[in-house]
Amino acid sequence: MTERTRVVAIVAVVLAGLLGSADAQGFFRITYDVDKGRPDQVRLVGQVTNDNSTEVFEVSVMAQALNAVGKVVASGITYVDSRIERGASKPFEAVVPAVPGATRFRVSVSSYRPGLGA
């Protein structure tokens, strides 16, 4: 491996660590209730718990309505909070359009910035 290749690999690893993604769902615990009280939309009201070893910043979640075979038929993104400390929870409310054929829902962290240090 050349020196340049090593530097590129190190930069890629550092950038991957600085940018949070939905692939890191193991760092978060999400609970929610489904409110179908309106005919045009479904509200998912819940909590995001930060199980990461550090605080996280600029947290957003994506709510998805799925059909019987698991295909996404509607979605919505909502901002949760600017900071969630390690072990803390923050409330969220996400809205997705009420779509015929939606049989279940899924909520995941769509973006966040991890804090530095342990």
PDB file of N, CA and C in Angstrom:
ATOM      1  N   MET A   1       0.854  -1.169   0.000  1.00  0.00           N
ATOM      2  CA  MET A   1       0.000   0.000   0.000  1.00  0.00           C
ATOM      3  C   MET A   1       0.902   1.235   0.000  1.00  0.00           C
ATOM      4  N   THR A   2       0.650   2.131  -0.912  1.00  0.00           N
ATOM      5  CA  THR A   2       1.451   3.347  -1.002  1.00  0.00           C
ATOM      6  C   THR A   2       1.054   4.318   0.112  1.00  0.00           C
ATOM      7  N   GLU A   3       1.911   5.298   0.346  1.00  0.00           N
ATOM      8  CA  GLU A   3       1.623   6.311   1.360  1.00  0.00           C
ATOM      9  C   GLU A   3       0.357   7.078   1.023  1.00  0.00           C
ATOM     10  N   ARG A   4       0.174   7.410  -0.256  1.00  0.00           N
ATOM     11  CA  ARG A   4      -1.031   8.139  -0.668  1.00  0.00           C
ATOM     12  C   ARG A   4      -2.291   7.311  -0.419  1.00  0.00           C
ATOM     13  N   THR A   5      -2.237   6.016  -0.734  1.00  0.00           N
ATOM     14  CA  THR A   5      -3.382   5.137  -0.509  1.00  0.00           C
ATOM     15  C   THR A   5      -3.707   5.064   0.979  1.00  0.00           C
ATOM     16  N   ARG A   6      -2.681   5.001   1.833  1.00  0.00           N
ATOM     17  CA  ARG A   6      -2.895   4.974   3.281  1.00  0.00           C
ATOM     18  C   ARG A   6      -3.574   6.250   3.763  1.00  0.00           C
ATOM     19  N   VAL A   7      -3.117   7.388   3.255  1.00  0.00           N
ATOM     20  CA  VAL A   7      -3.703   8.664   3.658  1.00  0.00           C
ATOM     21  C   VAL A   7      -5.167   8.730   3.227  1.00  0.00           C
ATOM     22  N   VAL A   8      -5.454   8.306   2.001  1.00  0.00           N
ATOM     23  CA  VAL A   8      -6.840   8.314   1.518  1.00  0.00           C
ATOM     24  C   VAL A   8      -7.694   7.393   2.376  1.00  0.00           C
ATOM     25  N   ALA A   9      -7.188   6.238   2.735  1.00  0.00           N
ATOM     26  CA  ALA A   9      -7.943   5.296   3.564  1.00  0.00           C
ATOM     27  C   ALA A   9      -8.206   5.877   4.948  1.00  0.00           C
ATOM     28  N   ILE A  10      -7.224   6.534   5.527  1.00  0.00           N
ATOM     29  CA  ILE A  10      -7.396   7.143   6.849  1.00  0.00           C
ATOM     30  C   ILE A  10      -8.430   8.256   6.793  1.00  0.00           C
ATOM     31  N   VAL A  11      -8.358   9.102   5.772  1.00  0.00           N
ATOM     32  CA  VAL A  11      -9.326  10.187   5.626  1.00  0.00           C
ATOM     33  C   VAL A  11     -10.732   9.618   5.476  1.00  0.00           C
ATOM     34  N   ALA A  12     -10.887   8.560   4.699  1.00  0.00           N
ATOM     35  CA  ALA A  12     -12.208   7.947   4.503  1.00  0.00           C
ATOM     36  C   ALA A  12     -12.761   7.419   5.822  1.00  0.00           C
ATOM     37  N   VAL A  13     -11.923   6.791   6.637  1.00  0.00           N
ATOM     38  CA  VAL A  13     -12.368   6.261   7.922  1.00  0.00           C
ATOM     39  C   VAL A  13     -12.775   7.399   8.857  1.00  0.00           C
ATOM     40  N   VAL A  14     -11.992   8.466   8.889  1.00  0.00           N
ATOM     41  CA  VAL A  14     -12.309   9.610   9.752  1.00  0.00           C
ATOM     42  C   VAL A  14     -13.622  10.254   9.324  1.00  0.00           C
ATOM     43  N   LEU A  15     -13.803  10.468   8.019  1.00  0.00           N
ATOM     44  CA  LEU A  15     -15.045  11.062   7.533  1.00  0.00           C
ATOM     45  C   LEU A  15     -16.248  10.183   7.838  1.00  0.00           C
ATOM     46  N   ALA A  16     -16.086   8.881   7.678  1.00  0.00           N
ATOM     47  CA  ALA A  16     -17.183   7.966   7.988  1.00  0.00           C
ATOM     48  C   ALA A  16     -17.556   8.051   9.464  1.00  0.00           C
ATOM     49  N   GLY A  17     -16.581   8.255  10.328  1.00  0.00           N
ATOM     50  CA  GLY A  17     -16.852   8.381  11.755  1.00  0.00           C
ATOM     51  C   GLY A  17     -17.518   9.690  12.118  1.00  0.00           C
ATOM     52  N   LEU A  18     -17.258  10.738  11.345  1.00  0.00           N
ATOM     53  CA  LEU A  18     -17.834  12.046  11.645  1.00  0.00           C
ATOM     54  C   LEU A  18     -19.249  12.205  11.125  1.00  0.00           C
ATOM     55  N   LEU A  19     -19.627  11.473  10.125  1.00  0.00           N
ATOM     56  CA  LEU A  19     -20.956  11.599   9.531  1.00  0.00           C
ATOM     57  C   LEU A  19     -21.822  10.431   9.963  1.00  0.00           C
ATOM     58  N   GLY A  20     -22.887  10.698  10.666  1.00  0.00           N
ATOM     59  CA  GLY A  20     -23.788   9.646  11.078  1.00  0.00           C
ATOM     60  C   GLY A  20     -24.743   9.299   9.952  1.00  0.00           C
ATOM     61  N   SER A  21     -25.243   8.102   9.967  1.00  0.00           N
ATOM     62  CA  SER A  21     -26.188   7.685   8.935  1.00  0.00           C
ATOM     63  C   SER A  21     -27.170   6.687   9.515  1.00  0.00           C
ATOM     64  N   ALA A  22     -28.143   6.347   8.712  1.00  0.00           N
ATOM     65  CA  ALA A  22     -29.146   5.374   9.131  1.00  0.00           C
ATOM     66  C   ALA A  22     -28.528   3.998   9.333  1.00  0.00           C
ATOM     67  N   ASP A  23     -27.318   3.759   8.802  1.00  0.00           N
ATOM     68  CA  ASP A  23     -26.654   2.481   8.997  1.00  0.00           C
ATOM     69  C   ASP A  23     -26.240   2.273  10.448  1.00  0.00           C
ATOM     70  N   ALA A  24     -26.252   3.321  11.243  1.00  0.00           N
ATOM     71  CA  ALA A  24     -25.796   3.232  12.627  1.00  0.00           C
ATOM     72  C   ALA A  24     -26.965   3.100  13.593  1.00  0.00           C
ATOM     73  N   GLN A  25     -28.016   2.419  13.214  1.00  0.00           N
ATOM     74  CA  GLN A  25     -29.206   2.321  14.044  1.00  0.00           C
ATOM     75  C   GLN A  25     -28.929   1.675  15.388  1.00  0.00           C
ATOM     76  N   GLY A  26     -27.874   0.897  15.503  1.00  0.00           N
ATOM     77  CA  GLY A  26     -27.537   0.277  16.773  1.00  0.00           C
ATOM     78  C   GLY A  26     -27.224   1.291  17.857  1.00  0.00           C
ATOM     79  N   PHE A  27     -26.929   2.530  17.485  1.00  0.00           N
ATOM     80  CA  PHE A  27     -26.617   3.583  18.438  1.00  0.00           C
ATOM     81  C   PHE A  27     -27.866   4.248  19.002  1.00  0.00           C
ATOM     82  N   PHE A  28     -29.033   3.909  18.476  1.00  0.00           N
ATOM     83  CA  PHE A  28     -30.267   4.565  18.884  1.00  0.00           C
ATOM     84  C   PHE A  28     -31.354   3.544  19.187  1.00  0.00           C
ATOM     85  N   ARG A  29     -32.196   3.881  20.153  1.00  0.00           N
ATOM     86  CA  ARG A  29     -33.379   3.088  20.455  1.00  0.00           C
ATOM     87  C   ARG A  29     -34.576   3.993  20.180  1.00  0.00           C
ATOM     88  N   ILE A  30     -35.508   3.507  19.392  1.00  0.00           N
ATOM     89  CA  ILE A  30     -36.660   4.321  19.000  1.00  0.00           C
ATOM     90  C   ILE A  30     -37.938   3.596  19.389  1.00  0.00           C
ATOM     91  N   THR A  31     -38.791   4.303  20.096  1.00  0.00           N
ATOM     92  CA  THR A  31     -40.120   3.782  20.417  1.00  0.00           C
ATOM     93  C   THR A  31     -41.141   4.797  19.929  1.00  0.00           C
ATOM     94  N   TYR A  32     -42.301   4.307  19.511  1.00  0.00           N
ATOM     95  CA  TYR A  32     -43.321   5.227  19.010  1.00  0.00           C
ATOM     96  C   TYR A  32     -44.695   4.576  19.026  1.00  0.00           C
ATOM     97  N   ASP A  33     -45.701   5.439  19.027  1.00  0.00           N
ATOM     98  CA  ASP A  33     -47.094   5.038  18.902  1.00  0.00           C
ATOM     99  C   ASP A  33     -47.622   5.584  17.588  1.00  0.00           C
ATOM    100  N   VAL A  34     -48.569   4.858  17.004  1.00  0.00           N
ATOM    101  CA  VAL A  34     -49.168   5.259  15.734  1.00  0.00           C
ATOM    102  C   VAL A  34     -50.532   5.879  16.013  1.00  0.00           C
ATOM    103  N   ASP A  35     -50.732   7.095  15.511  1.00  0.00           N
ATOM    104  CA  ASP A  35     -52.001   7.806  15.662  1.00  0.00           C
ATOM    105  C   ASP A  35     -52.620   7.978  14.278  1.00  0.00           C
ATOM    106  N   LYS A  36     -53.704   7.233  14.016  1.00  0.00           N
ATOM    107  CA  LYS A  36     -54.401   7.314  12.727  1.00  0.00           C
ATOM    108  C   LYS A  36     -55.687   8.119  12.871  1.00  0.00           C
ATOM    109  N   GLY A  37     -55.674   9.116  13.742  1.00  0.00           N
ATOM    110  CA  GLY A  37     -56.867   9.894  14.036  1.00  0.00           C
ATOM    111  C   GLY A  37     -57.333  10.811  12.923  1.00  0.00           C
ATOM    112  N   ARG A  38     -56.491  11.093  11.946  1.00  0.00           N
ATOM    113  CA  ARG A  38     -56.900  11.947  10.821  1.00  0.00           C
ATOM    114  C   ARG A  38     -56.946  11.117   9.546  1.00  0.00           C
ATOM    115  N   PRO A  39     -57.890  11.381   8.677  1.00  0.00           N
ATOM    116  CA  PRO A  39     -58.014  10.566   7.467  1.00  0.00           C
ATOM    117  C   PRO A  39     -56.903  10.807   6.442  1.00  0.00           C
ATOM    118  N   ASP A  40     -56.235  11.958   6.492  1.00  0.00           N
ATOM    119  CA  ASP A  40     -55.238  12.299   5.474  1.00  0.00           C
ATOM    120  C   ASP A  40     -53.798  12.053   5.894  1.00  0.00           C
ATOM    121  N   GLN A  41     -53.566  11.779   7.191  1.00  0.00           N
ATOM    122  CA  GLN A  41     -52.193  11.581   7.651  1.00  0.00           C
ATOM    123  C   GLN A  41     -52.128  10.647   8.843  1.00  0.00           C
ATOM    124  N   VAL A  42     -50.940  10.087   9.052  1.00  0.00           N
ATOM    125  CA  VAL A  42     -50.664   9.240  10.204  1.00  0.00           C
ATOM    126  C   VAL A  42     -49.538   9.913  10.980  1.00  0.00           C
ATOM    127  N   ARG A  43     -49.753  10.077  12.274  1.00  0.00           N
ATOM    128  CA  ARG A  43     -48.726  10.662  13.140  1.00  0.00           C
ATOM    129  C   ARG A  43     -48.031   9.548  13.905  1.00  0.00           C
ATOM    130  N   LEU A  44     -46.704   9.578  13.912  1.00  0.00           N
ATOM    131  CA  LEU A  44     -45.908   8.646  14.698  1.00  0.00           C
ATOM    132  C   LEU A  44     -45.257   9.477  15.801  1.00  0.00           C
ATOM    133  N   VAL A  45     -45.669   9.228  17.032  1.00  0.00           N
ATOM    134  CA  VAL A  45     -45.218  10.023  18.171  1.00  0.00           C
ATOM    135  C   VAL A  45     -44.369   9.137  19.060  1.00  0.00           C
ATOM    136  N   GLY A  46     -43.127   9.560  19.327  1.00  0.00           N
ATOM    137  CA  GLY A  46     -42.266   8.688  20.106  1.00  0.00           C
ATOM    138  C   GLY A  46     -41.063   9.363  20.714  1.00  0.00           C
ATOM    139  N   GLN A  47     -40.077   8.527  21.031  1.00  0.00           N
ATOM    140  CA  GLN A  47     -38.841   8.942  21.683  1.00  0.00           C
ATOM    141  C   GLN A  47     -37.649   8.320  20.960  1.00  0.00           C
ATOM    142  N   VAL A  48     -36.579   9.100  20.839  1.00  0.00           N
ATOM    143  CA  VAL A  48     -35.288   8.600  20.357  1.00  0.00           C
ATOM    144  C   VAL A  48     -34.351   8.603  21.551  1.00  0.00           C
ATOM    145  N   THR A  49     -33.766   7.458  21.864  1.00  0.00           N
ATOM    146  CA  THR A  49     -32.800   7.354  22.952  1.00  0.00           C
ATOM    147  C   THR A  49     -31.409   7.172  22.352  1.00  0.00           C
ATOM    148  N   ASN A  50     -30.460   7.966  22.820  1.00  0.00           N
ATOM    149  CA  ASN A  50     -29.084   7.895  22.351  1.00  0.00           C
ATOM    150  C   ASN A  50     -28.327   6.840  23.155  1.00  0.00           C
ATOM    151  N   ASP A  51     -28.078   5.684  22.558  1.00  0.00           N
ATOM    152  CA  ASP A  51     -27.311   4.621  23.195  1.00  0.00           C
ATOM    153  C   ASP A  51     -25.844   4.653  22.768  1.00  0.00           C
ATOM    154  N   ASN A  52     -25.439   5.715  22.095  1.00  0.00           N
ATOM    155  CA  ASN A  52     -24.062   5.905  21.664  1.00  0.00           C
ATOM    156  C   ASN A  52     -23.194   6.174  22.898  1.00  0.00           C
ATOM    157  N   SER A  53     -21.879   6.054  22.752  1.00  0.00           N
ATOM    158  CA  SER A  53     -20.976   6.329  23.869  1.00  0.00           C
ATOM    159  C   SER A  53     -20.691   7.820  24.014  1.00  0.00           C
ATOM    160  N   THR A  54     -21.189   8.637  23.095  1.00  0.00           N
ATOM    161  CA  THR A  54     -21.006  10.086  23.159  1.00  0.00           C
ATOM    162  C   THR A  54     -22.332  10.783  22.874  1.00  0.00           C
ATOM    163  N   GLU A  55     -22.363  12.082  23.124  1.00  0.00           N
ATOM    164  CA  GLU A  55     -23.548  12.845  22.751  1.00  0.00           C
ATOM    165  C   GLU A  55     -23.636  12.924  21.235  1.00  0.00           C
ATOM    166  N   VAL A  56     -24.827  13.201  20.725  1.00  0.00           N
ATOM    167  CA  VAL A  56     -25.022  13.346  19.275  1.00  0.00           C
ATOM    168  C   VAL A  56     -25.730  14.671  19.017  1.00  0.00           C
ATOM    169  N   PHE A  57     -25.541  15.179  17.808  1.00  0.00           N
ATOM    170  CA  PHE A  57     -26.067  16.490  17.445  1.00  0.00           C
ATOM    171  C   PHE A  57     -26.888  16.413  16.166  1.00  0.00           C
ATOM    172  N   GLU A  58     -27.809  17.370  16.015  1.00  0.00           N
ATOM    173  CA  GLU A  58     -28.590  17.546  14.787  1.00  0.00           C
ATOM    174  C   GLU A  58     -29.256  16.235  14.356  1.00  0.00           C
ATOM    175  N   VAL A  59     -30.070  15.686  15.226  1.00  0.00           N
ATOM    176  CA  VAL A  59     -30.707  14.386  14.995  1.00  0.00           C
ATOM    177  C   VAL A  59     -32.036  14.559  14.259  1.00  0.00           C
ATOM    178  N   SER A  60     -32.219  13.779  13.207  1.00  0.00           N
ATOM    179  CA  SER A  60     -33.481  13.720  12.464  1.00  0.00           C
ATOM    180  C   SER A  60     -33.900  12.268  12.323  1.00  0.00           C
ATOM    181  N   VAL A  61     -35.201  12.043  12.200  1.00  0.00           N
ATOM    182  CA  VAL A  61     -35.712  10.691  11.959  1.00  0.00           C
ATOM    183  C   VAL A  61     -36.538  10.661  10.682  1.00  0.00           C
ATOM    184  N   MET A  62     -36.577   9.484  10.073  1.00  0.00           N
ATOM    185  CA  MET A  62     -37.423   9.239   8.907  1.00  0.00           C
ATOM    186  C   MET A  62     -38.494   8.239   9.309  1.00  0.00           C
ATOM    187  N   ALA A  63     -39.743   8.596   9.057  1.00  0.00           N
ATOM    188  CA  ALA A  63     -40.871   7.697   9.295  1.00  0.00           C
ATOM    189  C   ALA A  63     -41.327   7.173   7.940  1.00  0.00           C
ATOM    190  N   GLN A  64     -41.578   5.868   7.868  1.00  0.00           N
ATOM    191  CA  GLN A  64     -41.992   5.252   6.612  1.00  0.00           C
ATOM    192  C   GLN A  64     -43.228   4.396   6.825  1.00  0.00           C
ATOM    193  N   ALA A  65     -44.146   4.490   5.885  1.00  0.00           N
ATOM    194  CA  ALA A  65     -45.303   3.603   5.836  1.00  0.00           C
ATOM    195  C   ALA A  65     -44.951   2.483   4.864  1.00  0.00           C
ATOM    196  N   LEU A  66     -45.186   1.245   5.260  1.00  0.00           N
ATOM    197  CA  LEU A  66     -44.840   0.087   4.439  1.00  0.00           C
ATOM    198  C   LEU A  66     -46.094  -0.685   4.075  1.00  0.00           C
ATOM    199  N   ASN A  67     -46.081  -1.290   2.884  1.00  0.00           N
ATOM    200  CA  ASN A  67     -47.208  -2.146   2.498  1.00  0.00           C
ATOM    201  C   ASN A  67     -46.961  -3.565   3.002  1.00  0.00           C
ATOM    202  N   ALA A  68     -47.819  -4.492   2.642  1.00  0.00           N
ATOM    203  CA  ALA A  68     -47.753  -5.861   3.156  1.00  0.00           C
ATOM    204  C   ALA A  68     -46.465  -6.589   2.795  1.00  0.00           C
ATOM    205  N   VAL A  69     -45.821  -6.209   1.691  1.00  0.00           N
ATOM    206  CA  VAL A  69     -44.572  -6.873   1.298  1.00  0.00           C
ATOM    207  C   VAL A  69     -43.338  -6.077   1.722  1.00  0.00           C
ATOM    208  N   GLY A  70     -43.529  -4.997   2.493  1.00  0.00           N
ATOM    209  CA  GLY A  70     -42.404  -4.234   3.016  1.00  0.00           C
ATOM    210  C   GLY A  70     -41.919  -3.092   2.141  1.00  0.00           C
ATOM    211  N   LYS A  71     -42.648  -2.790   1.080  1.00  0.00           N
ATOM    212  CA  LYS A  71     -42.263  -1.683   0.205  1.00  0.00           C
ATOM    213  C   LYS A  71     -42.713  -0.363   0.829  1.00  0.00           C
ATOM    214  N   VAL A  72     -41.835   0.646   0.768  1.00  0.00           N
ATOM    215  CA  VAL A  72     -42.171   1.965   1.296  1.00  0.00           C
ATOM    216  C   VAL A  72     -43.204   2.609   0.378  1.00  0.00           C
ATOM    217  N   VAL A  73     -44.346   3.011   0.951  1.00  0.00           N
ATOM    218  CA  VAL A  73     -45.409   3.639   0.169  1.00  0.00           C
ATOM    219  C   VAL A  73     -45.607   5.109   0.539  1.00  0.00           C
ATOM    220  N   ALA A  74     -45.000   5.557   1.644  1.00  0.00           N
ATOM    221  CA  ALA A  74     -45.039   6.961   2.037  1.00  0.00           C
ATOM    222  C   ALA A  74     -43.943   7.184   3.073  1.00  0.00           C
ATOM    223  N   SER A  75     -43.449   8.409   3.149  1.00  0.00           N
ATOM    224  CA  SER A  75     -42.419   8.699   4.145  1.00  0.00           C
ATOM    225  C   SER A  75     -42.444  10.165   4.531  1.00  0.00           C
ATOM    226  N   GLY A  76     -41.800  10.454   5.631  1.00  0.00           N
ATOM    227  CA  GLY A  76     -41.654  11.819   6.113  1.00  0.00           C
ATOM    228  C   GLY A  76     -40.434  11.910   7.004  1.00  0.00           C
ATOM    229  N   ILE A  77     -39.762  13.048   6.988  1.00  0.00           N
ATOM    230  CA  ILE A  77     -38.577  13.276   7.807  1.00  0.00           C
ATOM    231  C   ILE A  77     -38.881  14.420   8.760  1.00  0.00           C
ATOM    232  N   THR A  78     -38.426  14.270   9.998  1.00  0.00           N
ATOM    233  CA  THR A  78     -38.617  15.336  10.970  1.00  0.00           C
ATOM    234  C   THR A  78     -37.359  15.515  11.812  1.00  0.00           C
ATOM    235  N   TYR A  79     -37.120  16.746  12.199  1.00  0.00           N
ATOM    236  CA  TYR A  79     -35.994  17.109  13.055  1.00  0.00           C
ATOM    237  C   TYR A  79     -36.366  16.769  14.493  1.00  0.00           C
ATOM    238  N   VAL A  80     -35.439  16.142  15.219  1.00  0.00           N
ATOM    239  CA  VAL A  80     -35.707  15.756  16.600  1.00  0.00           C
ATOM    240  C   VAL A  80     -35.150  16.795  17.571  1.00  0.00           C
ATOM    241  N   ASP A  81     -33.831  17.002  17.534  1.00  0.00           N
ATOM    242  CA  ASP A  81     -33.224  17.949  18.470  1.00  0.00           C
ATOM    243  C   ASP A  81     -31.799  18.276  18.033  1.00  0.00           C
ATOM    244  N   SER A  82     -31.289  19.395  18.555  1.00  0.00           N
ATOM    245  CA  SER A  82     -29.927  19.811  18.218  1.00  0.00           C
ATOM    246  C   SER A  82     -28.887  19.024  18.998  1.00  0.00           C
ATOM    247  N   ARG A  83     -29.277  18.439  20.144  1.00  0.00           N
ATOM    248  CA  ARG A  83     -28.320  17.694  20.959  1.00  0.00           C
ATOM    249  C   ARG A  83     -29.064  16.662  21.796  1.00  0.00           C
ATOM    250  N   ILE A  84     -28.544  15.432  21.781  1.00  0.00           N
ATOM    251  CA  ILE A  84     -29.057  14.399  22.679  1.00  0.00           C
ATOM    252  C   ILE A  84     -27.847  13.818  23.410  1.00  0.00           C
ATOM    253  N   GLU A  85     -27.812  13.995  24.716  1.00  0.00           N
ATOM    254  CA  GLU A  85     -26.703  13.487  25.505  1.00  0.00           C
ATOM    255  C   GLU A  85     -26.701  11.971  25.528  1.00  0.00           C
ATOM    256  N   ARG A  86     -25.545  11.395  25.858  1.00  0.00           N
ATOM    257  CA  ARG A  86     -25.406   9.945  25.970  1.00  0.00           C
ATOM    258  C   ARG A  86     -26.417   9.427  26.995  1.00  0.00           C
ATOM    259  N   GLY A  87     -27.231   8.454  26.592  1.00  0.00           N
ATOM    260  CA  GLY A  87     -28.219   7.850  27.479  1.00  0.00           C
ATOM    261  C   GLY A  87     -29.531   8.611  27.597  1.00  0.00           C
ATOM    262  N   ALA A  88     -29.602   9.790  26.995  1.00  0.00           N
ATOM    263  CA  ALA A  88     -30.812  10.610  27.100  1.00  0.00           C
ATOM    264  C   ALA A  88     -31.789  10.298  25.967  1.00  0.00           C
ATOM    265  N   SER A  89     -33.036  10.705  26.173  1.00  0.00           N
ATOM    266  CA  SER A  89     -34.095  10.537  25.167  1.00  0.00           C
ATOM    267  C   SER A  89     -34.697  11.885  24.825  1.00  0.00           C
ATOM    268  N   LYS A  90     -35.153  12.018  23.579  1.00  0.00           N
ATOM    269  CA  LYS A  90     -35.849  13.223  23.135  1.00  0.00           C
ATOM    270  C   LYS A  90     -37.108  12.803  22.383  1.00  0.00           C
ATOM    271  N   PRO A  91     -38.186  13.572  22.529  1.00  0.00           N
ATOM    272  CA  PRO A  91     -39.432  13.237  21.837  1.00  0.00           C
ATOM    273  C   PRO A  91     -39.400  13.667  20.374  1.00  0.00           C
ATOM    274  N   PHE A  92     -40.222  13.010  19.571  1.00  0.00           N
ATOM    275  CA  PHE A  92     -40.401  13.424  18.180  1.00  0.00           C
ATOM    276  C   PHE A  92     -41.843  13.170  17.778  1.00  0.00           C
ATOM    277  N   GLU A  93     -42.239  13.851  16.728  1.00  0.00           N
ATOM    278  CA  GLU A  93     -43.534  13.617  16.096  1.00  0.00           C
ATOM    279  C   GLU A  93     -43.301  13.679  14.590  1.00  0.00           C
ATOM    280  N   ALA A  94     -43.512  12.567  13.924  1.00  0.00           N
ATOM    281  CA  ALA A  94     -43.334  12.498  12.474  1.00  0.00           C
ATOM    282  C   ALA A  94     -44.693  12.238  11.827  1.00  0.00           C
ATOM    283  N   VAL A  95     -44.879  12.807  10.650  1.00  0.00           N
ATOM    284  CA  VAL A  95     -46.149  12.660   9.933  1.00  0.00           C
ATOM    285  C   VAL A  95     -45.867  12.061   8.562  1.00  0.00           C
ATOM    286  N   VAL A  96     -46.683  11.061   8.200  1.00  0.00           N
ATOM    287  CA  VAL A  96     -46.639  10.504   6.847  1.00  0.00           C
ATOM    288  C   VAL A  96     -48.058  10.565   6.281  1.00  0.00           C
ATOM    289  N   PRO A  97     -48.171  10.708   4.970  1.00  0.00           N
ATOM    290  CA  PRO A  97     -49.510  10.707   4.374  1.00  0.00           C
ATOM    291  C   PRO A  97     -50.203   9.362   4.604  1.00  0.00           C
ATOM    292  N   ALA A  98     -51.505   9.395   4.836  1.00  0.00           N
ATOM    293  CA  ALA A  98     -52.288   8.160   4.936  1.00  0.00           C
ATOM    294  C   ALA A  98     -52.443   7.610   3.517  1.00  0.00           C
ATOM    295  N   VAL A  99     -51.913   6.420   3.295  1.00  0.00           N
ATOM    296  CA  VAL A  99     -51.893   5.826   1.962  1.00  0.00           C
ATOM    297  C   VAL A  99     -52.607   4.475   2.000  1.00  0.00           C
ATOM    298  N   PRO A 100     -53.494   4.218   1.053  1.00  0.00           N
ATOM    299  CA  PRO A 100     -54.113   2.891   0.994  1.00  0.00           C
ATOM    300  C   PRO A 100     -53.038   1.817   0.824  1.00  0.00           C
ATOM    301  N   GLY A 101     -53.189   0.747   1.556  1.00  0.00           N
ATOM    302  CA  GLY A 101     -52.226  -0.351   1.454  1.00  0.00           C
ATOM    303  C   GLY A 101     -51.131  -0.313   2.492  1.00  0.00           C
ATOM    304  N   ALA A 102     -50.998   0.777   3.241  1.00  0.00           N
ATOM    305  CA  ALA A 102     -49.992   0.832   4.301  1.00  0.00           C
ATOM    306  C   ALA A 102     -50.450  -0.051   5.459  1.00  0.00           C
ATOM    307  N   THR A 103     -49.645  -1.037   5.801  1.00  0.00           N
ATOM    308  CA  THR A 103     -50.021  -1.975   6.852  1.00  0.00           C
ATOM    309  C   THR A 103     -49.172  -1.846   8.105  1.00  0.00           C
ATOM    310  N   ARG A 104     -47.996  -1.233   7.983  1.00  0.00           N
ATOM    311  CA  ARG A 104     -47.124  -1.058   9.150  1.00  0.00           C
ATOM    312  C   ARG A 104     -46.222   0.147   8.926  1.00  0.00           C
ATOM    313  N   PHE A 105     -45.477   0.501   9.980  1.00  0.00           N
ATOM    314  CA  PHE A 105     -44.647   1.699   9.928  1.00  0.00           C
ATOM    315  C   PHE A 105     -43.263   1.390  10.483  1.00  0.00           C
ATOM    316  N   ARG A 106     -42.313   2.205  10.060  1.00  0.00           N
ATOM    317  CA  ARG A 106     -40.930   2.051  10.514  1.00  0.00           C
ATOM    318  C   ARG A 106     -40.369   3.450  10.734  1.00  0.00           C
ATOM    319  N   VAL A 107     -39.626   3.634  11.842  1.00  0.00           N
ATOM    320  CA  VAL A 107     -38.966   4.904  12.121  1.00  0.00           C
ATOM    321  C   VAL A 107     -37.494   4.617  12.361  1.00  0.00           C
ATOM    322  N   SER A 108     -36.626   5.405  11.727  1.00  0.00           N
ATOM    323  CA  SER A 108     -35.189   5.251  11.909  1.00  0.00           C
ATOM    324  C   SER A 108     -34.522   6.617  11.926  1.00  0.00           C
ATOM    325  N   VAL A 109     -33.359   6.681  12.545  1.00  0.00           N
ATOM    326  CA  VAL A 109     -32.589   7.919  12.527  1.00  0.00           C
ATOM    327  C   VAL A 109     -32.044   8.086  11.126  1.00  0.00           C
ATOM    328  N   SER A 110     -32.379   9.210  10.497  1.00  0.00           N
ATOM    329  CA  SER A 110     -31.939   9.437   9.122  1.00  0.00           C
ATOM    330  C   SER A 110     -30.640  10.218   9.061  1.00  0.00           C
ATOM    331  N   SER A 111     -30.369  11.032  10.073  1.00  0.00           N
ATOM    332  CA  SER A 111     -29.092  11.760  10.107  1.00  0.00           C
ATOM    333  C   SER A 111     -28.789  12.245  11.519  1.00  0.00           C
ATOM    334  N   TYR A 112     -27.498  12.390  11.777  1.00  0.00           N
ATOM    335  CA  TYR A 112     -27.013  12.936  13.046  1.00  0.00           C
ATOM    336  C   TYR A 112     -25.523  13.191  12.921  1.00  0.00           C
ATOM    337  N   ARG A 113     -24.984  13.980  13.819  1.00  0.00           N
ATOM    338  CA  ARG A 113     -23.550  14.197  13.914  1.00  0.00           C
ATOM    339  C   ARG A 113     -23.099  13.668  15.270  1.00  0.00           C
ATOM    340  N   PRO A 114     -22.130  12.753  15.303  1.00  0.00           N
ATOM    341  CA  PRO A 114     -21.665  12.241  16.588  1.00  0.00           C
ATOM    342  C   PRO A 114     -20.757  13.263  17.278  1.00  0.00           C
ATOM    343  N   GLY A 115     -20.759  13.221  18.607  1.00  0.00           N
ATOM    344  CA  GLY A 115     -19.840  14.046  19.380  1.00  0.00           C
ATOM    345  C   GLY A 115     -18.458  13.404  19.360  1.00  0.00           C
ATOM    346  N   LEU A 116     -17.485  14.146  19.796  1.00  0.00           N
ATOM    347  CA  LEU A 116     -16.117  13.637  19.846  1.00  0.00           C
ATOM    348  C   LEU A 116     -15.802  13.161  21.256  1.00  0.00           C
ATOM    349  N   GLY A 117     -14.959  12.144  21.359  1.00  0.00           N
ATOM    350  CA  GLY A 117     -14.532  11.651  22.654  1.00  0.00           C
ATOM    351  C   GLY A 117     -15.469  10.626  23.222  1.00  0.00           C
ATOM    352  N   ALA A 118     -14.991   9.968  24.269  1.00  0.00           N
ATOM    353  CA  ALA A 118     -15.788   8.928  24.909  1.00  0.00           C
ATOM    354  C   ALA A 118     -16.262   9.391  26.250  1.00  0.00           C
TER     355      ALA A 118
END
